[in-house]
Amino acid sequence: MKFFSENTEHINGECECGRVLKVKRSGAIKTSDGYNLTPNIRCFCGSIHNKIYGSSQSKTVTKQDDEVYCPKCYSKSLSANKQGFSVGKSITGGVLAGPVGLLGGFWNSGDIKITCLKCGHTFKPGVKLVNCTFHRTNEEQKDDDHNAIIIVAIIIIGVIVTKMMG
């Protein structure tokens, strides 16, 4: 497995299949030509690795380091799609808030979502993840808080309009 990147807690190695594996520093012993791994690491493709060859000193920075990749598995096989009108949100809004709630189908339409073709992880462009396995970004949390406020406002307006009509 060849060296990919490192931080204070982990060393990332790239398997021959292209998947990047995260190894805790406590399980990697530095050598002159890389890191010995204890215990061995098994990739999802089935390959077993006992060494990461190379290090941050030996890695040359190229223009490819600026490419977009999945923050979860580091794959560069990605698909970007624009989100459209959501029938499910529209129906839910209609049930909860009456006729005004039908406009909920337009909520978040136009947002761009990037989907990893290897692991299926979805993320927004330009949003840096703290640790995509366990944490949400502050930006995602702010979006959810904002969306919750909009839902409450739509429900309140729907209740008011329904009371006025009936």
Protein backbone atom coordinates (compact mmCIF):
# COMPACT_ATOMS: atom_id res chain seq x y z
CA MET A 1 0.00 0.00 0.00
CA LYS A 2 1.41 3.41 -0.88
CA PHE A 3 1.40 6.50 1.30
CA PHE A 4 -1.53 8.89 0.67
CA SER A 5 -1.63 11.47 3.48
CA GLU A 6 -1.33 11.87 7.25
CA ASN A 7 -2.53 13.97 10.16
CA THR A 8 -1.84 13.96 13.90
CA GLU A 9 -4.00 10.87 14.53
CA HIS A 10 -3.91 8.81 11.33
CA ILE A 11 -1.80 7.75 8.38
CA ASN A 12 -3.72 7.12 5.17
CA GLY A 13 -2.52 4.55 2.66
CA GLU A 14 -3.88 3.91 -0.82
CA CYS A 15 -4.60 0.29 -1.77
CA GLU A 16 -4.01 -0.97 -5.32
CA CYS A 17 -7.81 -0.87 -5.85
CA GLY A 18 -7.74 2.93 -5.28
CA ARG A 19 -9.45 2.94 -1.87
CA VAL A 20 -7.73 4.97 0.86
CA LEU A 21 -7.44 3.24 4.23
CA LYS A 22 -7.08 5.12 7.52
CA VAL A 23 -4.58 3.66 10.04
CA LYS A 24 -4.19 4.91 13.61
CA ARG A 25 -0.66 6.10 14.37
CA SER A 26 -0.51 3.69 17.31
CA GLY A 27 -0.69 0.83 14.79
CA ALA A 28 2.03 2.17 12.50
CA ILE A 29 5.75 1.96 13.21
CA LYS A 30 7.91 4.41 11.22
CA THR A 31 10.72 2.86 9.17
CA SER A 32 13.21 4.28 6.70
CA ASP A 33 10.96 3.45 3.71
CA GLY A 34 7.48 4.00 5.22
CA TYR A 35 5.45 2.42 8.03
CA ASN A 36 5.07 -1.16 9.27
CA LEU A 37 1.48 -1.90 10.27
CA THR A 38 0.52 -3.90 13.36
CA PRO A 39 -1.93 -5.49 13.04
CA ASN A 40 -2.24 -6.02 9.29
CA ILE A 41 -4.94 -4.02 7.51
CA ARG A 42 -7.52 -5.66 5.24
CA CYS A 43 -8.98 -3.55 2.44
CA PHE A 44 -12.60 -3.90 1.31
CA CYS A 45 -11.29 -5.44 -1.93
CA GLY A 46 -9.75 -8.30 0.09
CA SER A 47 -6.08 -7.25 -0.07
CA ILE A 48 -4.12 -7.52 3.18
CA HIS A 49 -1.47 -4.89 3.88
CA ASN A 50 1.35 -4.93 6.43
CA LYS A 51 3.23 -1.86 5.19
CA ILE A 52 2.66 1.65 3.86
CA TYR A 53 5.45 2.59 1.48
CA GLY A 54 6.62 6.20 1.43
CA SER A 55 5.89 9.15 3.72
CA SER A 56 4.91 12.81 3.61
CA GLN A 57 8.55 13.71 2.96
CA SER A 58 8.67 11.45 -0.10
CA LYS A 59 5.28 12.51 -1.51
CA THR A 60 5.54 15.21 -4.13
CA VAL A 61 2.72 17.73 -4.28
CA THR A 62 1.13 17.87 -7.70
CA LYS A 63 -1.85 19.64 -9.23
CA GLN A 64 -3.87 16.42 -8.68
CA ASP A 65 -3.90 17.14 -4.92
CA ASP A 66 -6.46 19.88 -5.64
CA GLU A 67 -8.92 17.43 -7.25
CA VAL A 68 -12.30 16.72 -5.70
CA TYR A 69 -12.59 13.42 -3.84
CA CYS A 70 -14.98 11.71 -1.45
CA PRO A 71 -14.22 12.79 2.14
CA LYS A 72 -15.22 9.34 3.41
CA CYS A 73 -13.33 6.89 1.16
CA TYR A 74 -11.17 9.37 -0.85
CA SER A 75 -12.43 8.02 -4.18
CA LYS A 76 -12.40 10.37 -7.16
CA SER A 77 -15.36 8.57 -8.80
CA LEU A 78 -18.09 11.13 -8.11
CA SER A 79 -21.42 12.22 -9.56
CA ALA A 80 -22.88 15.72 -9.07
CA ASN A 81 -26.63 16.24 -9.35
CA LYS A 82 -29.01 19.14 -8.82
CA GLN A 83 -31.89 18.39 -6.49
CA GLY A 84 -35.34 19.13 -7.97
CA PHE A 85 -38.93 19.34 -6.74
CA SER A 86 -39.69 16.72 -4.06
CA VAL A 87 -43.13 15.10 -4.21
CA GLY A 88 -42.57 13.52 -0.78
CA LYS A 89 -41.86 16.87 0.88
CA SER A 90 -44.85 18.39 -0.90
CA ILE A 91 -47.24 15.67 0.33
CA THR A 92 -45.85 15.86 3.88
CA GLY A 93 -46.20 19.64 3.87
CA GLY A 94 -49.74 19.38 2.52
CA VAL A 95 -50.75 16.93 5.27
CA LEU A 96 -49.10 18.96 8.04
CA ALA A 97 -49.89 22.50 6.95
CA GLY A 98 -52.69 22.30 4.42
CA PRO A 99 -52.51 23.91 0.97
CA VAL A 100 -49.63 26.20 1.90
CA GLY A 101 -47.58 23.14 2.87
CA LEU A 102 -47.63 21.90 -0.71
CA LEU A 103 -44.93 24.50 -1.40
CA GLY A 104 -42.62 22.38 0.77
CA GLY A 105 -41.76 20.40 -2.36
CA PHE A 106 -39.58 23.31 -3.47
CA TRP A 107 -37.66 23.28 -0.20
CA ASN A 108 -33.91 22.72 -0.95
CA SER A 109 -34.62 22.33 -4.67
CA GLY A 110 -31.69 23.55 -6.70
CA ASP A 111 -29.11 22.37 -4.16
CA ILE A 112 -26.20 20.45 -5.63
CA LYS A 113 -25.32 17.13 -4.02
CA ILE A 114 -22.21 15.12 -4.85
CA THR A 115 -22.50 11.34 -4.56
CA CYS A 116 -19.52 8.99 -4.32
CA LEU A 117 -19.90 6.12 -6.78
CA LYS A 118 -17.78 3.80 -4.59
CA CYS A 119 -19.29 4.16 -1.10
CA GLY A 120 -22.53 6.10 -1.79
CA HIS A 121 -21.68 8.95 0.61
CA THR A 122 -23.40 12.24 -0.35
CA PHE A 123 -22.03 15.68 0.46
CA LYS A 124 -22.29 19.30 -0.60
CA PRO A 125 -19.56 20.86 -2.74
CA GLY A 126 -17.15 23.11 -0.88
CA VAL A 127 -18.08 21.78 2.57
CA LYS A 128 -15.07 20.51 4.50
CA LEU A 129 -15.91 17.65 6.85
CA VAL A 130 -14.55 17.44 10.38
CA ASN A 131 -14.68 13.63 10.33
CA CYS A 132 -17.27 12.36 7.91
CA THR A 133 -17.63 8.99 9.62
CA PHE A 134 -18.99 10.31 12.91
CA HIS A 135 -19.53 14.08 12.77
CA ARG A 136 -21.60 16.52 10.77
CA THR A 137 -20.12 19.76 9.59
CA ASN A 138 -21.14 23.05 11.16
CA GLU A 139 -22.53 24.08 7.76
CA GLU A 140 -24.77 21.01 7.59
CA GLN A 141 -25.99 21.62 11.15
CA LYS A 142 -26.77 25.27 10.32
CA ASP A 143 -28.70 24.12 7.22
CA ASP A 144 -30.75 21.70 9.33
CA ASP A 145 -31.46 24.38 11.95
CA HIS A 146 -32.55 26.80 9.22
CA ASN A 147 -34.71 24.12 7.59
CA ALA A 148 -36.39 23.31 10.93
CA ILE A 149 -37.32 26.98 11.36
CA ILE A 150 -38.81 27.03 7.86
CA ILE A 151 -40.87 23.90 8.58
CA VAL A 152 -42.26 25.39 11.80
CA ALA A 153 -43.13 28.63 9.96
CA ILE A 154 -44.92 26.70 7.18
CA ILE A 155 -46.91 24.70 9.73
CA ILE A 156 -47.94 27.85 11.63
CA ILE A 157 -48.98 29.60 8.39
CA GLY A 158 -50.88 26.49 7.32
CA VAL A 159 -52.76 26.31 10.62
CA ILE A 160 -53.65 30.01 10.42
CA VAL A 161 -54.86 29.74 6.81
CA THR A 162 -56.86 26.59 7.59
CA LYS A 163 -58.55 28.29 10.58
CA MET A 164 -59.37 31.35 8.48
CA MET A 165 -60.90 29.21 5.72
CA GLY A 166 -62.93 27.02 8.04
